[in-house]
Amino acid sequence: MQTTMENRWLALKPDENLSTPLYLQLSRKLADAINAGWWQADEALPSERTFSEELGISRVTARKAMDVLLEQGMIRRRQGSGTFITPRLEQPLSRLTGFTEQLRLRGFVPSSVWLERGVFAPSNEELIRLGLSPTSMVARLKRQRLADGVVMAIEMSTMPVAYLPDPQAVGTSLYAHLDAAGHSVVRALQHIRAVNASGDVAHLAGIRPGEAMLLITRIGFNADNVAIELTDTYCRNDYYDFVAELKR
């Protein structure tokens, strides 16, 4: 165990013979170590003093390296508690997966805090996007989506009651519930845009009002090409990355 830790510190040590500033070397090495899983999401990093003593650098250098990672959103500081790894979720744009499945595939523990579940008359937008008649009723689900206990996003889903008659029956995964009921979403159209968080959304996400977020609007279709899901997901910009593979 001691040898493993010694090797880790050795891998982080900046090279004074390089022209690149020491703090930038350390920030890059730390970023690589975090991505390699040396520290898990929401785990505390060693203190600046520990970095200074173990790597033979000044505390100013250690602090400046941390500041770079803080600006990149890879770490966050908690007053009086230390510096912690920020959970991040890379969502591929080429594959349709639910939030729960995405998190589990990346080793996070998914959970939700329900904010609203019920049956309502549809709004004009819901009528249009889901192709409903004015007399239709819809099920609405609103919740905080968490990874390892950290709020990653605020999600609001709407479905015709024909496909979700009892929204209270949905567990952790909406898509798993729909699969079990024989109403799988097999295709979806997603639009992603930057928005400023409203006061309500900011409060639920644990950020400042007006802070930048990513809004994903998804319309999901079943095997008969019928739109059965309308979901708006407000994603924390510091926790989400969207990845697209491009081929020629």
C-alpha atoms as a PDB file:
ATOM      1  CA  MET A   1       0.000   0.000   0.000  1.00  0.00           C
ATOM      2  CA  GLN A   2       2.843   2.351   0.926  1.00  0.00           C
ATOM      3  CA  THR A   3       4.604   1.582  -2.371  1.00  0.00           C
ATOM      4  CA  THR A   4       1.416   2.302  -4.308  1.00  0.00           C
ATOM      5  CA  MET A   5       1.021   5.693  -2.643  1.00  0.00           C
ATOM      6  CA  GLU A   6       4.699   6.486  -3.235  1.00  0.00           C
ATOM      7  CA  ASN A   7       4.258   5.675  -6.924  1.00  0.00           C
ATOM      8  CA  ARG A   8       1.219   7.926  -7.092  1.00  0.00           C
ATOM      9  CA  TRP A   9       3.047  10.860  -5.546  1.00  0.00           C
ATOM     10  CA  LEU A  10       5.990  10.218  -7.880  1.00  0.00           C
ATOM     11  CA  ALA A  11       3.641  10.361 -10.888  1.00  0.00           C
ATOM     12  CA  LEU A  12       2.308  13.738  -9.722  1.00  0.00           C
ATOM     13  CA  LYS A  13       5.678  15.361  -9.128  1.00  0.00           C
ATOM     14  CA  PRO A  14       6.331  18.290 -11.523  1.00  0.00           C
ATOM     15  CA  ASP A  15       9.619  18.479 -13.446  1.00  0.00           C
ATOM     16  CA  GLU A  16      11.543  21.679 -12.646  1.00  0.00           C
ATOM     17  CA  ASN A  17      13.626  21.260 -15.813  1.00  0.00           C
ATOM     18  CA  LEU A  18      10.606  21.818 -18.070  1.00  0.00           C
ATOM     19  CA  SER A  19       9.627  25.278 -19.286  1.00  0.00           C
ATOM     20  CA  THR A  20       5.960  24.682 -18.356  1.00  0.00           C
ATOM     21  CA  PRO A  21       5.137  26.309 -14.995  1.00  0.00           C
ATOM     22  CA  LEU A  22       5.068  23.869 -12.100  1.00  0.00           C
ATOM     23  CA  TYR A  23       1.450  24.606 -11.211  1.00  0.00           C
ATOM     24  CA  LEU A  24       0.297  23.811 -14.775  1.00  0.00           C
ATOM     25  CA  GLN A  25       2.272  20.566 -14.766  1.00  0.00           C
ATOM     26  CA  LEU A  26       0.675  19.589 -11.474  1.00  0.00           C
ATOM     27  CA  SER A  27      -2.838  20.548 -12.597  1.00  0.00           C
ATOM     28  CA  ARG A  28      -2.494  18.358 -15.702  1.00  0.00           C
ATOM     29  CA  LYS A  29      -1.090  15.432 -13.745  1.00  0.00           C
ATOM     30  CA  LEU A  30      -3.860  15.804 -11.164  1.00  0.00           C
ATOM     31  CA  ALA A  31      -6.504  15.902 -13.903  1.00  0.00           C
ATOM     32  CA  ASP A  32      -5.076  12.682 -15.368  1.00  0.00           C
ATOM     33  CA  ALA A  33      -5.051  11.061 -11.918  1.00  0.00           C
ATOM     34  CA  ILE A  34      -8.682  12.034 -11.281  1.00  0.00           C
ATOM     35  CA  ASN A  35      -9.748  10.711 -14.694  1.00  0.00           C
ATOM     36  CA  ALA A  36      -7.840   7.494 -13.958  1.00  0.00           C
ATOM     37  CA  GLY A  37      -9.909   6.998 -10.809  1.00  0.00           C
ATOM     38  CA  TRP A  38      -7.278   7.689  -8.144  1.00  0.00           C
ATOM     39  CA  TRP A  39     -10.016   9.584  -6.335  1.00  0.00           C
ATOM     40  CA  GLN A  40     -13.721   8.855  -6.628  1.00  0.00           C
ATOM     41  CA  ALA A  41     -16.582  11.305  -7.131  1.00  0.00           C
ATOM     42  CA  ASP A  42     -17.171  13.474  -4.044  1.00  0.00           C
ATOM     43  CA  GLU A  43     -14.008  12.139  -2.361  1.00  0.00           C
ATOM     44  CA  ALA A  44     -11.690  14.618  -0.631  1.00  0.00           C
ATOM     45  CA  LEU A  45      -8.339  15.448  -2.213  1.00  0.00           C
ATOM     46  CA  PRO A  46      -5.232  15.719  -0.038  1.00  0.00           C
ATOM     47  CA  SER A  47      -4.677  19.183   1.413  1.00  0.00           C
ATOM     48  CA  GLU A  48      -2.456  21.804  -0.208  1.00  0.00           C
ATOM     49  CA  ARG A  49      -0.029  21.287   2.670  1.00  0.00           C
ATOM     50  CA  THR A  50       0.138  17.543   1.938  1.00  0.00           C
ATOM     51  CA  PHE A  51       0.766  18.185  -1.768  1.00  0.00           C
ATOM     52  CA  SER A  52       3.492  20.656  -0.817  1.00  0.00           C
ATOM     53  CA  GLU A  53       5.249  18.232   1.550  1.00  0.00           C
ATOM     54  CA  GLU A  54       4.927  15.119  -0.624  1.00  0.00           C
ATOM     55  CA  LEU A  55       5.907  16.776  -3.920  1.00  0.00           C
ATOM     56  CA  GLY A  56       8.496  19.251  -2.647  1.00  0.00           C
ATOM     57  CA  ILE A  57       6.640  22.263  -4.013  1.00  0.00           C
ATOM     58  CA  SER A  58       5.378  25.451  -2.430  1.00  0.00           C
ATOM     59  CA  ARG A  59       1.841  25.731  -1.109  1.00  0.00           C
ATOM     60  CA  VAL A  60       1.330  28.591  -3.564  1.00  0.00           C
ATOM     61  CA  THR A  61       2.093  26.192  -6.450  1.00  0.00           C
ATOM     62  CA  ALA A  62      -0.287  23.605  -5.027  1.00  0.00           C
ATOM     63  CA  ARG A  63      -3.018  26.217  -4.569  1.00  0.00           C
ATOM     64  CA  LYS A  64      -2.607  27.553  -8.127  1.00  0.00           C
ATOM     65  CA  ALA A  65      -2.874  23.994  -9.512  1.00  0.00           C
ATOM     66  CA  MET A  66      -6.075  23.486  -7.528  1.00  0.00           C
ATOM     67  CA  ASP A  67      -7.410  26.796  -8.842  1.00  0.00           C
ATOM     68  CA  VAL A  68      -6.968  25.533 -12.423  1.00  0.00           C
ATOM     69  CA  LEU A  69      -8.971  22.374 -11.679  1.00  0.00           C
ATOM     70  CA  LEU A  70     -11.568  24.442  -9.840  1.00  0.00           C
ATOM     71  CA  GLU A  71     -12.010  26.659 -12.904  1.00  0.00           C
ATOM     72  CA  GLN A  72     -12.347  23.554 -15.088  1.00  0.00           C
ATOM     73  CA  GLY A  73     -15.059  22.199 -12.796  1.00  0.00           C
ATOM     74  CA  MET A  74     -13.123  19.053 -11.872  1.00  0.00           C
ATOM     75  CA  ILE A  75     -13.022  19.871  -8.165  1.00  0.00           C
ATOM     76  CA  ARG A  76     -14.968  22.027  -5.738  1.00  0.00           C
ATOM     77  CA  ARG A  77     -14.210  23.549  -2.385  1.00  0.00           C
ATOM     78  CA  ARG A  78     -16.406  23.208   0.689  1.00  0.00           C
ATOM     79  CA  GLN A  79     -15.933  25.822   3.351  1.00  0.00           C
ATOM     80  CA  GLY A  80     -14.282  24.227   6.346  1.00  0.00           C
ATOM     81  CA  SER A  81     -14.288  20.727   4.816  1.00  0.00           C
ATOM     82  CA  GLY A  82     -11.667  20.698   2.068  1.00  0.00           C
ATOM     83  CA  THR A  83     -11.488  20.101  -1.669  1.00  0.00           C
ATOM     84  CA  PHE A  84     -13.580  17.383  -3.296  1.00  0.00           C
ATOM     85  CA  ILE A  85     -13.806  15.652  -6.672  1.00  0.00           C
ATOM     86  CA  THR A  86     -16.734  16.858  -8.755  1.00  0.00           C
ATOM     87  CA  PRO A  87     -18.936  14.094 -10.166  1.00  0.00           C
ATOM     88  CA  ARG A  88     -19.111  14.431 -13.946  1.00  0.00           C
ATOM     89  CA  LEU A  89     -21.310  12.587 -16.401  1.00  0.00           C
ATOM     90  CA  GLU A  90     -20.309  12.130 -20.037  1.00  0.00           C
ATOM     91  CA  GLN A  91     -23.470  11.532 -22.028  1.00  0.00           C
ATOM     92  CA  PRO A  92     -23.016  10.146 -25.554  1.00  0.00           C
ATOM     93  CA  LEU A  93     -25.297  11.802 -28.072  1.00  0.00           C
ATOM     94  CA  SER A  94     -25.461   8.742 -30.314  1.00  0.00           C
ATOM     95  CA  ARG A  95     -27.159   6.337 -27.865  1.00  0.00           C
ATOM     96  CA  LEU A  96     -30.560   6.516 -26.190  1.00  0.00           C
ATOM     97  CA  THR A  97     -30.178   5.741 -22.500  1.00  0.00           C
ATOM     98  CA  GLY A  98     -31.943   6.837 -19.349  1.00  0.00           C
ATOM     99  CA  PHE A  99     -30.246   8.840 -16.614  1.00  0.00           C
ATOM    100  CA  THR A 100     -30.174   5.839 -14.260  1.00  0.00           C
ATOM    101  CA  GLU A 101     -28.484   3.565 -16.789  1.00  0.00           C
ATOM    102  CA  GLN A 102     -25.914   6.222 -17.715  1.00  0.00           C
ATOM    103  CA  LEU A 103     -24.869   6.685 -14.097  1.00  0.00           C
ATOM    104  CA  ARG A 104     -24.647   2.982 -13.329  1.00  0.00           C
ATOM    105  CA  LEU A 105     -22.507   2.370 -16.412  1.00  0.00           C
ATOM    106  CA  ARG A 106     -20.045   4.967 -15.108  1.00  0.00           C
ATOM    107  CA  GLY A 107     -19.932   3.619 -11.573  1.00  0.00           C
ATOM    108  CA  PHE A 108     -22.156   6.209  -9.879  1.00  0.00           C
ATOM    109  CA  VAL A 109     -25.036   5.410  -7.538  1.00  0.00           C
ATOM    110  CA  PRO A 110     -28.169   7.027  -9.046  1.00  0.00           C
ATOM    111  CA  SER A 111     -31.050   8.321  -6.969  1.00  0.00           C
ATOM    112  CA  SER A 112     -33.952  10.753  -7.243  1.00  0.00           C
ATOM    113  CA  VAL A 113     -35.843  13.160  -5.033  1.00  0.00           C
ATOM    114  CA  TRP A 114     -39.440  13.392  -6.211  1.00  0.00           C
ATOM    115  CA  LEU A 115     -40.814  16.905  -6.357  1.00  0.00           C
ATOM    116  CA  GLU A 116     -44.097  16.245  -8.170  1.00  0.00           C
ATOM    117  CA  ARG A 117     -45.993  13.228  -9.483  1.00  0.00           C
ATOM    118  CA  GLY A 118     -49.572  13.335 -10.668  1.00  0.00           C
ATOM    119  CA  VAL A 119     -52.127  13.504 -13.478  1.00  0.00           C
ATOM    120  CA  PHE A 120     -52.966  16.907 -14.965  1.00  0.00           C
ATOM    121  CA  ALA A 121     -54.600  18.640 -17.899  1.00  0.00           C
ATOM    122  CA  PRO A 122     -51.928  19.253 -20.565  1.00  0.00           C
ATOM    123  CA  SER A 123     -50.422  22.623 -21.379  1.00  0.00           C
ATOM    124  CA  ASN A 124     -50.518  23.990 -24.913  1.00  0.00           C
ATOM    125  CA  GLU A 125     -46.899  22.962 -25.463  1.00  0.00           C
ATOM    126  CA  GLU A 126     -47.609  19.419 -24.271  1.00  0.00           C
ATOM    127  CA  LEU A 127     -50.660  19.197 -26.549  1.00  0.00           C
ATOM    128  CA  ILE A 128     -48.596  20.191 -29.572  1.00  0.00           C
ATOM    129  CA  ARG A 129     -45.409  18.246 -28.890  1.00  0.00           C
ATOM    130  CA  LEU A 130     -47.167  15.018 -27.929  1.00  0.00           C
ATOM    131  CA  GLY A 131     -49.943  15.377 -30.537  1.00  0.00           C
ATOM    132  CA  LEU A 132     -52.742  15.141 -27.956  1.00  0.00           C
ATOM    133  CA  SER A 133     -56.383  16.117 -28.106  1.00  0.00           C
ATOM    134  CA  PRO A 134     -57.572  18.970 -25.849  1.00  0.00           C
ATOM    135  CA  THR A 135     -59.502  16.505 -23.672  1.00  0.00           C
ATOM    136  CA  SER A 136     -56.449  14.332 -22.971  1.00  0.00           C
ATOM    137  CA  MET A 137     -54.797  14.038 -19.577  1.00  0.00           C
ATOM    138  CA  VAL A 138     -51.083  13.675 -18.928  1.00  0.00           C
ATOM    139  CA  ALA A 139     -48.860  12.276 -16.198  1.00  0.00           C
ATOM    140  CA  ARG A 140     -46.144  14.625 -14.987  1.00  0.00           C
ATOM    141  CA  LEU A 141     -42.985  13.728 -13.108  1.00  0.00           C
ATOM    142  CA  LYS A 142     -40.613  16.307 -11.620  1.00  0.00           C
ATOM    143  CA  ARG A 143     -37.525  15.328  -9.679  1.00  0.00           C
ATOM    144  CA  GLN A 144     -33.957  16.062  -8.748  1.00  0.00           C
ATOM    145  CA  ARG A 145     -31.538  13.566 -10.306  1.00  0.00           C
ATOM    146  CA  LEU A 146     -28.561  12.706  -8.104  1.00  0.00           C
ATOM    147  CA  ALA A 147     -25.270  10.880  -8.556  1.00  0.00           C
ATOM    148  CA  ASP A 148     -23.638   9.632  -5.357  1.00  0.00           C
ATOM    149  CA  GLY A 149     -25.925  12.006  -3.471  1.00  0.00           C
ATOM    150  CA  VAL A 150     -25.000  15.093  -5.520  1.00  0.00           C
ATOM    151  CA  VAL A 151     -27.720  16.911  -7.498  1.00  0.00           C
ATOM    152  CA  MET A 152     -26.764  16.689 -11.184  1.00  0.00           C
ATOM    153  CA  ALA A 153     -29.977  17.801 -12.879  1.00  0.00           C
ATOM    154  CA  ILE A 154     -33.622  18.795 -12.516  1.00  0.00           C
ATOM    155  CA  GLU A 155     -35.890  16.694 -14.734  1.00  0.00           C
ATOM    156  CA  MET A 156     -39.506  17.279 -15.754  1.00  0.00           C
ATOM    157  CA  SER A 157     -41.249  14.573 -17.799  1.00  0.00           C
ATOM    158  CA  THR A 158     -44.715  14.464 -19.338  1.00  0.00           C
ATOM    159  CA  MET A 159     -46.468  11.406 -20.792  1.00  0.00           C
ATOM    160  CA  PRO A 160     -50.013  10.650 -21.965  1.00  0.00           C
ATOM    161  CA  VAL A 161     -51.892   8.772 -19.222  1.00  0.00           C
ATOM    162  CA  ALA A 162     -52.524   5.965 -21.726  1.00  0.00           C
ATOM    163  CA  TYR A 163     -48.836   5.071 -21.347  1.00  0.00           C
ATOM    164  CA  LEU A 164     -48.353   6.083 -17.715  1.00  0.00           C
ATOM    165  CA  PRO A 165     -51.669   5.822 -15.851  1.00  0.00           C
ATOM    166  CA  ASP A 166     -50.052   5.734 -12.414  1.00  0.00           C
ATOM    167  CA  PRO A 167     -47.035   8.053 -12.104  1.00  0.00           C
ATOM    168  CA  GLN A 168     -46.690   7.070  -8.428  1.00  0.00           C
ATOM    169  CA  ALA A 169     -45.646   3.593  -9.580  1.00  0.00           C
ATOM    170  CA  VAL A 170     -42.423   4.815 -11.225  1.00  0.00           C
ATOM    171  CA  GLY A 171     -39.322   3.781  -9.306  1.00  0.00           C
ATOM    172  CA  THR A 172     -35.761   4.957  -9.888  1.00  0.00           C
ATOM    173  CA  SER A 173     -35.910   4.591 -13.678  1.00  0.00           C
ATOM    174  CA  LEU A 174     -38.779   5.846 -15.860  1.00  0.00           C
ATOM    175  CA  TYR A 175     -37.462   3.947 -18.873  1.00  0.00           C
ATOM    176  CA  ALA A 176     -37.241   0.685 -16.904  1.00  0.00           C
ATOM    177  CA  HIS A 177     -40.858   1.199 -15.800  1.00  0.00           C
ATOM    178  CA  LEU A 178     -41.964   1.805 -19.391  1.00  0.00           C
ATOM    179  CA  ASP A 179     -40.035  -1.246 -20.612  1.00  0.00           C
ATOM    180  CA  ALA A 180     -41.770  -3.419 -18.038  1.00  0.00           C
ATOM    181  CA  ALA A 181     -45.163  -2.038 -19.080  1.00  0.00           C
ATOM    182  CA  GLY A 182     -44.506  -2.721 -22.774  1.00  0.00           C
ATOM    183  CA  HIS A 183     -44.238   0.974 -23.696  1.00  0.00           C
ATOM    184  CA  SER A 184     -40.527   1.296 -24.436  1.00  0.00           C
ATOM    185  CA  VAL A 185     -39.069   4.498 -25.826  1.00  0.00           C
ATOM    186  CA  VAL A 186     -37.036   3.292 -28.822  1.00  0.00           C
ATOM    187  CA  ARG A 187     -36.178   6.590 -30.502  1.00  0.00           C
ATOM    188  CA  ALA A 188     -35.833  10.182 -29.377  1.00  0.00           C
ATOM    189  CA  LEU A 189     -35.131  13.660 -30.681  1.00  0.00           C
ATOM    190  CA  GLN A 190     -33.028  15.832 -28.400  1.00  0.00           C
ATOM    191  CA  HIS A 191     -32.373  19.547 -28.490  1.00  0.00           C
ATOM    192  CA  ILE A 192     -29.634  20.987 -26.276  1.00  0.00           C
ATOM    193  CA  ARG A 193     -29.242  24.671 -25.517  1.00  0.00           C
ATOM    194  CA  ALA A 194     -27.684  26.930 -22.926  1.00  0.00           C
ATOM    195  CA  VAL A 195     -30.027  28.716 -20.522  1.00  0.00           C
ATOM    196  CA  ASN A 196     -29.752  30.808 -17.381  1.00  0.00           C
ATOM    197  CA  ALA A 197     -31.181  29.142 -14.299  1.00  0.00           C
ATOM    198  CA  SER A 198     -34.430  30.573 -12.983  1.00  0.00           C
ATOM    199  CA  GLY A 199     -34.745  31.137  -9.257  1.00  0.00           C
ATOM    200  CA  ASP A 200     -36.756  27.938  -8.762  1.00  0.00           C
ATOM    201  CA  VAL A 201     -34.457  25.716 -10.807  1.00  0.00           C
ATOM    202  CA  ALA A 202     -31.337  27.271  -9.271  1.00  0.00           C
ATOM    203  CA  HIS A 203     -32.641  26.597  -5.760  1.00  0.00           C
ATOM    204  CA  LEU A 204     -33.347  22.944  -6.597  1.00  0.00           C
ATOM    205  CA  ALA A 205     -29.980  22.470  -8.322  1.00  0.00           C
ATOM    206  CA  GLY A 206     -27.974  24.162  -5.579  1.00  0.00           C
ATOM    207  CA  ILE A 207     -26.576  26.929  -7.786  1.00  0.00           C
ATOM    208  CA  ARG A 208     -26.983  30.703  -8.067  1.00  0.00           C
ATOM    209  CA  PRO A 209     -29.957  32.182  -9.968  1.00  0.00           C
ATOM    210  CA  GLY A 210     -28.903  33.164 -13.487  1.00  0.00           C
ATOM    211  CA  GLU A 211     -26.044  30.656 -13.577  1.00  0.00           C
ATOM    212  CA  ALA A 212     -25.544  28.847 -16.898  1.00  0.00           C
ATOM    213  CA  MET A 213     -27.155  25.430 -17.332  1.00  0.00           C
ATOM    214  CA  LEU A 214     -27.727  23.035 -20.212  1.00  0.00           C
ATOM    215  CA  LEU A 215     -31.359  22.389 -21.095  1.00  0.00           C
ATOM    216  CA  ILE A 216     -32.065  19.101 -22.875  1.00  0.00           C
ATOM    217  CA  THR A 217     -35.520  18.808 -24.394  1.00  0.00           C
ATOM    218  CA  ARG A 218     -36.277  15.255 -25.486  1.00  0.00           C
ATOM    219  CA  ILE A 219     -39.269  13.848 -27.328  1.00  0.00           C
ATOM    220  CA  GLY A 220     -39.358  10.054 -27.095  1.00  0.00           C
ATOM    221  CA  PHE A 221     -41.164   7.762 -29.523  1.00  0.00           C
ATOM    222  CA  ASN A 222     -42.367   4.173 -29.134  1.00  0.00           C
ATOM    223  CA  ALA A 223     -42.071   1.372 -31.683  1.00  0.00           C
ATOM    224  CA  ASP A 224     -45.173   2.680 -33.509  1.00  0.00           C
ATOM    225  CA  ASN A 225     -43.451   6.075 -33.915  1.00  0.00           C
ATOM    226  CA  VAL A 226     -45.895   7.725 -31.520  1.00  0.00           C
ATOM    227  CA  ALA A 227     -44.537  10.501 -29.294  1.00  0.00           C
ATOM    228  CA  ILE A 228     -45.083   9.287 -25.727  1.00  0.00           C
ATOM    229  CA  GLU A 229     -42.506  11.276 -23.732  1.00  0.00           C
ATOM    230  CA  LEU A 230     -41.634  14.957 -23.392  1.00  0.00           C
ATOM    231  CA  THR A 231     -38.785  15.619 -20.991  1.00  0.00           C
ATOM    232  CA  ASP A 232     -36.986  18.833 -20.072  1.00  0.00           C
ATOM    233  CA  THR A 233     -33.757  18.241 -18.152  1.00  0.00           C
ATOM    234  CA  TYR A 234     -31.867  21.168 -16.635  1.00  0.00           C
ATOM    235  CA  CYS A 235     -28.284  19.945 -16.280  1.00  0.00           C
ATOM    236  CA  ARG A 236     -25.660  21.544 -14.091  1.00  0.00           C
ATOM    237  CA  ASN A 237     -23.037  22.866 -16.462  1.00  0.00           C
ATOM    238  CA  ASP A 238     -20.203  21.940 -14.095  1.00  0.00           C
ATOM    239  CA  TYR A 239     -21.258  18.283 -13.922  1.00  0.00           C
ATOM    240  CA  TYR A 240     -22.255  17.418 -17.487  1.00  0.00           C
ATOM    241  CA  ASP A 241     -20.266  16.741 -20.658  1.00  0.00           C
ATOM    242  CA  PHE A 242     -21.902  15.740 -23.928  1.00  0.00           C
ATOM    243  CA  VAL A 243     -19.822  13.617 -26.277  1.00  0.00           C
ATOM    244  CA  ALA A 244     -20.452  13.050 -29.975  1.00  0.00           C
ATOM    245  CA  GLU A 245     -18.419  10.673 -32.133  1.00  0.00           C
ATOM    246  CA  LEU A 246     -17.951  12.006 -35.654  1.00  0.00           C
ATOM    247  CA  LYS A 247     -16.946   9.742 -38.531  1.00  0.00           C
ATOM    248  CA  ARG A 248     -15.985  10.468 -42.107  1.00  0.00           C
END
